[in-house]
């Protein structure tokens, strides 16, 4: 090795490592492969998310309904009035939560999800039963590389 190169090599290696390592991690990260990641589960099947994926909990709608109907009086008129108050108190946020919960069920049904947890990538590939989303996405990406 030339003397001039060896004098600069340690700093150069450090710089190249500092640039190359984050770039390699970004390129090899499962999240960068998948354009659209959807996770379908429920409150009884916990998942480890990566961040950035859409999470659908199939039992979210019934849980919201249970919140609205908790401790209602037995009189139907009083119960109706109380639910109406709760709905108006929840406002737009509650309406968004309800709409999102049932839209998620519709989306999962339209994709043909048959069991949970399910990790869906690009509305085309699915891995069932894997609670670690990053691992499921990595499996899908491995399949994509071998089966173009």
N, C-alpha and C. Protein backbone atom coordinates (compact mmCIF):
# COMPACT_ATOMS: atom_id res chain seq x y z
N UNK A 1 0.86 -1.16 0.00
CA UNK A 1 0.00 0.00 0.00
C UNK A 1 0.91 1.23 0.00
N UNK A 2 0.65 2.20 -0.87
CA UNK A 2 1.47 3.42 -0.90
C UNK A 2 1.37 4.17 0.41
N UNK A 3 2.45 4.84 0.76
CA UNK A 3 2.52 5.58 2.03
C UNK A 3 1.46 6.67 2.09
N UNK A 4 1.22 7.36 0.98
CA UNK A 4 0.24 8.45 0.97
C UNK A 4 -1.16 7.91 1.25
N UNK A 5 -1.48 6.73 0.71
CA UNK A 5 -2.80 6.17 0.92
C UNK A 5 -2.99 5.70 2.36
N UNK A 6 -1.98 5.06 2.92
CA UNK A 6 -2.12 4.55 4.29
C UNK A 6 -2.27 5.68 5.30
N UNK A 7 -1.71 6.85 4.99
CA UNK A 7 -1.83 7.98 5.90
C UNK A 7 -3.28 8.47 5.96
N UNK A 8 -4.03 8.35 4.85
CA UNK A 8 -5.42 8.83 4.81
C UNK A 8 -6.43 7.71 4.98
N UNK A 9 -6.01 6.48 4.90
CA UNK A 9 -6.93 5.36 4.91
C UNK A 9 -7.83 5.29 6.14
N UNK A 10 -7.34 5.45 7.36
CA UNK A 10 -8.25 5.31 8.51
C UNK A 10 -9.40 6.31 8.47
N UNK A 11 -9.11 7.56 8.16
CA UNK A 11 -10.18 8.55 8.09
C UNK A 11 -11.11 8.29 6.93
N UNK A 12 -10.56 7.86 5.81
CA UNK A 12 -11.35 7.58 4.62
C UNK A 12 -12.29 6.40 4.87
N UNK A 13 -11.77 5.36 5.55
CA UNK A 13 -12.61 4.21 5.87
C UNK A 13 -13.75 4.61 6.81
N UNK A 14 -13.45 5.44 7.77
CA UNK A 14 -14.48 5.89 8.70
C UNK A 14 -15.55 6.69 7.98
N UNK A 15 -15.11 7.59 7.09
CA UNK A 15 -16.07 8.39 6.32
C UNK A 15 -16.91 7.50 5.42
N UNK A 16 -16.28 6.57 4.72
CA UNK A 16 -17.04 5.71 3.82
C UNK A 16 -18.01 4.83 4.61
N UNK A 17 -17.60 4.36 5.78
CA UNK A 17 -18.48 3.56 6.61
C UNK A 17 -19.65 4.40 7.12
N UNK A 18 -19.36 5.63 7.50
CA UNK A 18 -20.41 6.53 8.00
C UNK A 18 -21.43 6.84 6.93
N UNK A 19 -21.02 6.86 5.68
CA UNK A 19 -21.95 7.13 4.57
C UNK A 19 -22.61 5.84 4.10
N UNK A 20 -21.85 4.79 3.98
CA UNK A 20 -22.36 3.54 3.40
C UNK A 20 -23.30 2.80 4.34
N UNK A 21 -23.03 2.78 5.63
CA UNK A 21 -23.85 2.01 6.56
C UNK A 21 -25.30 2.50 6.62
N UNK A 22 -25.55 3.81 6.84
CA UNK A 22 -26.95 4.24 6.85
C UNK A 22 -27.63 4.03 5.50
N UNK A 23 -26.91 4.21 4.42
CA UNK A 23 -27.50 4.00 3.09
C UNK A 23 -27.88 2.53 2.91
N UNK A 24 -27.00 1.63 3.33
CA UNK A 24 -27.29 0.20 3.21
C UNK A 24 -28.47 -0.19 4.08
N UNK A 25 -28.53 0.33 5.29
CA UNK A 25 -29.66 0.02 6.17
C UNK A 25 -30.97 0.53 5.60
N UNK A 26 -30.94 1.71 5.03
CA UNK A 26 -32.16 2.27 4.42
C UNK A 26 -32.61 1.43 3.24
N UNK A 27 -31.66 0.99 2.44
CA UNK A 27 -31.99 0.19 1.26
C UNK A 27 -32.50 -1.19 1.65
N UNK A 28 -31.92 -1.77 2.69
CA UNK A 28 -32.27 -3.13 3.08
C UNK A 28 -33.41 -3.20 4.09
N UNK A 29 -33.88 -2.07 4.56
CA UNK A 29 -34.97 -2.05 5.52
C UNK A 29 -36.26 -2.55 4.87
N UNK A 30 -37.01 -3.44 5.53
CA UNK A 30 -38.25 -3.95 4.95
C UNK A 30 -39.24 -2.84 4.61
N UNK A 31 -39.25 -1.77 5.39
CA UNK A 31 -40.21 -0.70 5.14
C UNK A 31 -39.96 -0.01 3.81
N UNK A 32 -38.71 0.01 3.34
CA UNK A 32 -38.43 0.69 2.09
C UNK A 32 -38.87 -0.13 0.89
N UNK A 33 -38.98 -1.45 1.03
CA UNK A 33 -39.40 -2.28 -0.08
C UNK A 33 -40.88 -2.12 -0.36
N UNK A 34 -41.68 -2.05 0.67
CA UNK A 34 -43.12 -2.08 0.52
C UNK A 34 -43.68 -0.68 0.37
N UNK A 35 -44.45 -0.50 -0.67
CA UNK A 35 -45.07 0.80 -0.89
C UNK A 35 -46.28 0.98 0.01
N UNK A 36 -47.05 -0.08 0.21
CA UNK A 36 -48.30 0.01 0.95
C UNK A 36 -48.40 -1.20 1.87
N UNK A 37 -48.36 -0.97 3.18
CA UNK A 37 -48.43 -2.07 4.14
C UNK A 37 -49.69 -1.89 4.98
N UNK A 38 -50.47 -2.94 5.04
CA UNK A 38 -51.71 -2.97 5.80
C UNK A 38 -51.64 -4.13 6.77
N UNK A 39 -51.96 -3.87 8.03
CA UNK A 39 -51.95 -4.91 9.06
C UNK A 39 -53.37 -5.08 9.56
N UNK A 40 -53.86 -6.32 9.50
CA UNK A 40 -55.23 -6.62 9.95
C UNK A 40 -55.12 -7.54 11.15
N UNK A 41 -55.74 -7.13 12.25
CA UNK A 41 -55.70 -7.91 13.48
C UNK A 41 -56.94 -7.58 14.31
N UNK A 42 -56.91 -7.93 15.57
CA UNK A 42 -57.94 -7.50 16.52
C UNK A 42 -57.27 -7.32 17.88
N UNK A 43 -58.06 -6.97 18.88
CA UNK A 43 -57.47 -6.66 20.19
C UNK A 43 -56.88 -7.89 20.89
N UNK A 44 -57.24 -9.08 20.46
CA UNK A 44 -56.71 -10.30 21.07
C UNK A 44 -55.42 -10.78 20.42
N UNK A 45 -55.07 -10.23 19.28
CA UNK A 45 -53.86 -10.64 18.55
C UNK A 45 -52.94 -9.43 18.39
N UNK A 46 -52.02 -9.28 19.33
CA UNK A 46 -51.13 -8.11 19.28
C UNK A 46 -50.10 -8.30 18.17
N UNK A 47 -49.67 -7.18 17.62
CA UNK A 47 -48.66 -7.18 16.57
C UNK A 47 -47.57 -6.17 16.91
N UNK A 48 -46.40 -6.42 16.38
CA UNK A 48 -45.28 -5.50 16.54
C UNK A 48 -45.16 -4.72 15.23
N UNK A 49 -45.53 -3.44 15.28
CA UNK A 49 -45.55 -2.64 14.07
C UNK A 49 -44.19 -2.02 13.78
N UNK A 50 -44.00 -1.59 12.53
CA UNK A 50 -42.75 -0.95 12.11
C UNK A 50 -42.89 0.57 12.21
N UNK A 51 -44.07 1.06 11.91
CA UNK A 51 -44.32 2.49 11.77
C UNK A 51 -44.58 2.79 10.31
N UNK A 52 -45.65 3.52 10.06
CA UNK A 52 -45.99 3.87 8.69
C UNK A 52 -47.02 2.95 8.05
N UNK A 53 -47.29 1.82 8.65
CA UNK A 53 -48.28 0.93 8.09
C UNK A 53 -49.68 1.31 8.58
N UNK A 54 -50.69 0.88 7.84
CA UNK A 54 -52.07 1.12 8.26
C UNK A 54 -52.51 -0.07 9.11
N UNK A 55 -53.05 0.21 10.28
CA UNK A 55 -53.47 -0.84 11.20
C UNK A 55 -54.99 -0.90 11.25
N UNK A 56 -55.54 -2.08 10.97
CA UNK A 56 -56.97 -2.30 11.08
C UNK A 56 -57.20 -3.29 12.20
N UNK A 57 -57.96 -2.87 13.20
CA UNK A 57 -58.38 -3.78 14.27
C UNK A 57 -59.85 -4.10 14.02
N UNK A 58 -60.13 -5.34 13.67
CA UNK A 58 -61.47 -5.73 13.24
C UNK A 58 -62.53 -5.55 14.32
N UNK A 59 -62.14 -5.56 15.58
CA UNK A 59 -63.11 -5.40 16.66
C UNK A 59 -63.18 -3.98 17.20
N UNK A 60 -62.62 -3.03 16.49
CA UNK A 60 -62.65 -1.63 16.96
C UNK A 60 -64.07 -1.07 16.94
N UNK A 61 -64.85 -1.36 15.92
CA UNK A 61 -66.23 -0.87 15.84
C UNK A 61 -67.07 -1.33 17.03
N UNK A 62 -67.09 -2.62 17.31
CA UNK A 62 -67.84 -3.08 18.49
C UNK A 62 -67.32 -2.49 19.81
N UNK A 63 -66.01 -2.24 19.90
CA UNK A 63 -65.49 -1.62 21.13
C UNK A 63 -66.02 -0.19 21.27
N UNK A 64 -66.09 0.54 20.16
CA UNK A 64 -66.64 1.91 20.21
C UNK A 64 -68.12 1.85 20.58
N UNK A 65 -68.85 0.90 20.00
CA UNK A 65 -70.27 0.75 20.34
C UNK A 65 -70.44 0.42 21.82
N UNK A 66 -69.55 -0.39 22.37
CA UNK A 66 -69.63 -0.74 23.79
C UNK A 66 -69.39 0.50 24.66
N UNK A 67 -68.47 1.37 24.23
CA UNK A 67 -68.24 2.63 24.96
C UNK A 67 -69.52 3.48 24.96
N UNK A 68 -70.16 3.55 23.80
CA UNK A 68 -71.36 4.37 23.69
C UNK A 68 -72.53 3.81 24.50
N UNK A 69 -72.58 2.50 24.62
CA UNK A 69 -73.73 1.89 25.31
C UNK A 69 -73.46 1.51 26.76
N UNK A 70 -72.29 1.86 27.27
CA UNK A 70 -71.96 1.51 28.66
C UNK A 70 -72.86 2.25 29.64
N UNK A 71 -73.35 1.53 30.62
CA UNK A 71 -74.14 2.07 31.73
C UNK A 71 -75.38 2.84 31.27
N UNK A 72 -76.06 2.32 30.26
CA UNK A 72 -77.29 2.98 29.82
C UNK A 72 -78.45 2.61 30.74
N UNK A 73 -79.37 3.54 30.91
CA UNK A 73 -80.57 3.22 31.71
C UNK A 73 -81.45 2.22 30.98
N UNK A 74 -82.32 1.56 31.70
CA UNK A 74 -83.21 0.56 31.10
C UNK A 74 -84.34 1.19 30.30
N UNK A 75 -84.70 2.41 30.63
CA UNK A 75 -85.76 3.10 29.88
C UNK A 75 -85.24 3.43 28.47
N UNK A 76 -85.92 2.98 27.42
CA UNK A 76 -85.45 3.19 26.05
C UNK A 76 -85.32 4.68 25.68
N UNK A 77 -86.24 5.50 26.13
CA UNK A 77 -86.17 6.93 25.79
C UNK A 77 -84.96 7.60 26.45
N UNK A 78 -84.73 7.26 27.71
CA UNK A 78 -83.56 7.81 28.40
C UNK A 78 -82.25 7.30 27.78
N UNK A 79 -82.24 6.02 27.44
CA UNK A 79 -81.05 5.44 26.83
C UNK A 79 -80.76 6.10 25.48
N UNK A 80 -81.80 6.33 24.68
CA UNK A 80 -81.63 6.98 23.38
C UNK A 80 -81.07 8.38 23.56
N UNK A 81 -81.63 9.11 24.51
CA UNK A 81 -81.16 10.48 24.76
C UNK A 81 -79.69 10.48 25.21
N UNK A 82 -79.32 9.51 26.05
CA UNK A 82 -77.95 9.45 26.54
C UNK A 82 -76.97 9.13 25.41
N UNK A 83 -77.34 8.20 24.54
CA UNK A 83 -76.46 7.85 23.41
C UNK A 83 -76.32 9.04 22.47
N UNK A 84 -77.40 9.74 22.23
CA UNK A 84 -77.34 10.94 21.38
C UNK A 84 -76.39 11.98 21.98
N UNK A 85 -76.45 12.16 23.30
CA UNK A 85 -75.54 13.10 23.96
C UNK A 85 -74.09 12.65 23.80
N UNK A 86 -73.86 11.36 24.01
CA UNK A 86 -72.50 10.83 23.86
C UNK A 86 -71.98 11.01 22.43
N UNK A 87 -72.84 10.78 21.47
CA UNK A 87 -72.44 10.97 20.08
C UNK A 87 -72.11 12.43 19.78
N UNK A 88 -72.94 13.33 20.29
CA UNK A 88 -72.69 14.75 20.02
C UNK A 88 -71.46 15.24 20.80
N UNK A 89 -71.25 14.72 22.00
CA UNK A 89 -70.08 15.09 22.78
C UNK A 89 -68.80 14.61 22.10
N UNK A 90 -68.84 13.42 21.50
CA UNK A 90 -67.67 12.87 20.80
C UNK A 90 -67.33 13.65 19.54
N UNK A 91 -68.32 14.29 18.96
CA UNK A 91 -68.11 15.15 17.80
C UNK A 91 -67.50 14.47 16.60
N UNK A 92 -66.76 15.27 15.83
CA UNK A 92 -66.17 14.80 14.58
C UNK A 92 -65.14 13.70 14.81
N UNK A 93 -64.43 13.76 15.94
CA UNK A 93 -63.43 12.73 16.22
C UNK A 93 -64.08 11.37 16.38
N UNK A 94 -65.17 11.30 17.11
CA UNK A 94 -65.88 10.04 17.29
C UNK A 94 -66.43 9.54 15.95
N UNK A 95 -66.98 10.43 15.17
CA UNK A 95 -67.50 10.04 13.85
C UNK A 95 -66.39 9.48 12.97
N UNK A 96 -65.21 10.10 13.02
CA UNK A 96 -64.06 9.61 12.26
C UNK A 96 -63.64 8.22 12.74
N UNK A 97 -63.61 8.03 14.06
CA UNK A 97 -63.23 6.72 14.62
C UNK A 97 -64.19 5.62 14.16
N UNK A 98 -65.48 5.92 14.21
CA UNK A 98 -66.49 4.93 13.80
C UNK A 98 -66.35 4.63 12.31
N UNK A 99 -66.25 5.67 11.49
CA UNK A 99 -66.13 5.49 10.04
C UNK A 99 -64.86 4.70 9.71
N UNK A 100 -63.76 5.04 10.35
CA UNK A 100 -62.49 4.35 10.10
C UNK A 100 -62.56 2.89 10.51
N UNK A 101 -63.20 2.62 11.63
CA UNK A 101 -63.30 1.24 12.11
C UNK A 101 -64.06 0.37 11.12
N UNK A 102 -65.19 0.85 10.64
CA UNK A 102 -65.98 0.04 9.73
C UNK A 102 -65.42 0.05 8.31
N UNK A 103 -64.73 1.10 7.92
CA UNK A 103 -64.05 1.10 6.63
C UNK A 103 -62.94 0.06 6.63
N UNK A 104 -62.26 -0.08 7.76
CA UNK A 104 -61.22 -1.09 7.88
C UNK A 104 -61.76 -2.49 7.72
N UNK A 105 -62.91 -2.77 8.32
CA UNK A 105 -63.54 -4.09 8.17
C UNK A 105 -63.88 -4.33 6.70
N UNK A 106 -64.42 -3.31 6.05
CA UNK A 106 -64.76 -3.42 4.63
C UNK A 106 -63.52 -3.67 3.78
N UNK A 107 -62.45 -2.94 4.07
CA UNK A 107 -61.20 -3.11 3.31
C UNK A 107 -60.63 -4.51 3.50
N UNK A 108 -60.63 -5.01 4.72
CA UNK A 108 -60.11 -6.36 4.99
C UNK A 108 -60.96 -7.40 4.25
N UNK A 109 -62.26 -7.23 4.31
CA UNK A 109 -63.16 -8.16 3.62
C UNK A 109 -62.93 -8.12 2.11
N UNK A 110 -62.78 -6.92 1.55
CA UNK A 110 -62.61 -6.80 0.10
C UNK A 110 -61.27 -7.38 -0.36
N UNK A 111 -60.27 -7.42 0.52
CA UNK A 111 -58.99 -8.03 0.18
C UNK A 111 -59.00 -9.55 0.35
N UNK A 112 -60.07 -10.07 0.96
CA UNK A 112 -60.19 -11.51 1.14
C UNK A 112 -59.39 -12.05 2.32
N UNK A 113 -59.16 -11.23 3.32
CA UNK A 113 -58.41 -11.67 4.51
C UNK A 113 -59.18 -12.80 5.17
N UNK A 114 -58.48 -13.91 5.44
CA UNK A 114 -59.15 -15.09 6.00
C UNK A 114 -58.75 -15.41 7.43
N UNK A 115 -57.64 -14.85 7.91
CA UNK A 115 -57.26 -15.07 9.30
C UNK A 115 -56.39 -13.91 9.76
N UNK A 116 -56.19 -13.82 11.07
CA UNK A 116 -55.41 -12.71 11.62
C UNK A 116 -54.35 -13.25 12.57
N UNK A 117 -53.28 -12.52 12.77
CA UNK A 117 -52.93 -11.28 12.10
C UNK A 117 -52.56 -11.53 10.64
N UNK A 118 -52.80 -10.52 9.83
CA UNK A 118 -52.46 -10.59 8.41
C UNK A 118 -51.69 -9.32 8.05
N UNK A 119 -50.61 -9.49 7.32
CA UNK A 119 -49.83 -8.35 6.83
C UNK A 119 -49.95 -8.38 5.31
N UNK A 120 -50.49 -7.30 4.76
CA UNK A 120 -50.73 -7.21 3.32
C UNK A 120 -49.82 -6.13 2.76
N UNK A 121 -49.14 -6.46 1.68
CA UNK A 121 -48.25 -5.50 1.02
C UNK A 121 -48.76 -5.25 -0.39
N UNK A 122 -48.92 -3.98 -0.71
CA UNK A 122 -49.34 -3.54 -2.03
C UNK A 122 -50.64 -4.19 -2.49
N UNK A 123 -51.51 -4.52 -1.57
CA UNK A 123 -52.81 -5.14 -1.83
C UNK A 123 -52.69 -6.39 -2.68
N UNK A 124 -51.51 -7.02 -2.62
CA UNK A 124 -51.27 -8.17 -3.49
C UNK A 124 -50.68 -9.36 -2.74
N UNK A 125 -49.82 -9.10 -1.78
CA UNK A 125 -49.12 -10.17 -1.06
C UNK A 125 -49.59 -10.16 0.39
N UNK A 126 -49.74 -11.35 0.97
CA UNK A 126 -50.18 -11.42 2.36
C UNK A 126 -49.40 -12.51 3.10
N UNK A 127 -49.10 -12.23 4.35
CA UNK A 127 -48.52 -13.22 5.26
C UNK A 127 -49.48 -13.31 6.44
N UNK A 128 -49.92 -14.52 6.74
CA UNK A 128 -50.83 -14.76 7.86
C UNK A 128 -50.07 -15.29 9.06
N UNK A 129 -50.51 -14.87 10.25
CA UNK A 129 -50.01 -15.46 11.48
C UNK A 129 -48.70 -14.89 12.01
N UNK A 130 -48.07 -13.97 11.31
CA UNK A 130 -46.79 -13.40 11.76
C UNK A 130 -47.08 -12.10 12.51
N UNK A 131 -46.86 -12.06 13.83
CA UNK A 131 -47.15 -10.85 14.59
C UNK A 131 -46.11 -9.74 14.44
N UNK A 132 -44.94 -10.06 13.90
CA UNK A 132 -43.89 -9.06 13.69
C UNK A 132 -44.00 -8.56 12.24
N UNK A 133 -44.48 -7.34 12.08
CA UNK A 133 -44.75 -6.79 10.75
C UNK A 133 -43.48 -6.71 9.91
N UNK A 134 -42.37 -6.31 10.51
CA UNK A 134 -41.12 -6.21 9.76
C UNK A 134 -40.70 -7.57 9.21
N UNK A 135 -40.87 -8.62 10.00
CA UNK A 135 -40.52 -9.97 9.53
C UNK A 135 -41.44 -10.41 8.40
N UNK A 136 -42.72 -10.10 8.53
CA UNK A 136 -43.67 -10.46 7.47
C UNK A 136 -43.34 -9.73 6.17
N UNK A 137 -43.03 -8.46 6.27
CA UNK A 137 -42.67 -7.68 5.08
C UNK A 137 -41.38 -8.23 4.47
N UNK A 138 -40.43 -8.60 5.30
CA UNK A 138 -39.18 -9.17 4.80
C UNK A 138 -39.44 -10.48 4.05
N UNK A 139 -40.34 -11.30 4.57
CA UNK A 139 -40.69 -12.55 3.88
C UNK A 139 -41.31 -12.27 2.52
N UNK A 140 -42.17 -11.27 2.47
CA UNK A 140 -42.80 -10.91 1.21
C UNK A 140 -41.75 -10.40 0.22
N UNK A 141 -40.85 -9.57 0.70
CA UNK A 141 -39.81 -9.04 -0.19
C UNK A 141 -38.88 -10.14 -0.68
N UNK A 142 -38.59 -11.10 0.18
CA UNK A 142 -37.76 -12.23 -0.25
C UNK A 142 -38.49 -13.01 -1.35
N UNK A 143 -39.76 -13.22 -1.17
CA UNK A 143 -40.56 -13.91 -2.20
C UNK A 143 -40.57 -13.10 -3.50
N UNK A 144 -40.72 -11.80 -3.41
CA UNK A 144 -40.73 -10.94 -4.61
C UNK A 144 -39.42 -11.05 -5.38
N UNK A 145 -38.31 -11.14 -4.65
CA UNK A 145 -37.01 -11.23 -5.33
C UNK A 145 -36.84 -12.56 -6.05
N UNK A 146 -37.39 -13.63 -5.47
CA UNK A 146 -37.23 -14.96 -6.10
C UNK A 146 -38.32 -15.25 -7.13
N UNK A 147 -39.46 -14.58 -7.03
CA UNK A 147 -40.57 -14.79 -7.94
C UNK A 147 -41.00 -13.46 -8.56
N UNK A 148 -40.21 -12.91 -9.48
CA UNK A 148 -40.54 -11.58 -10.01
C UNK A 148 -41.83 -11.49 -10.75
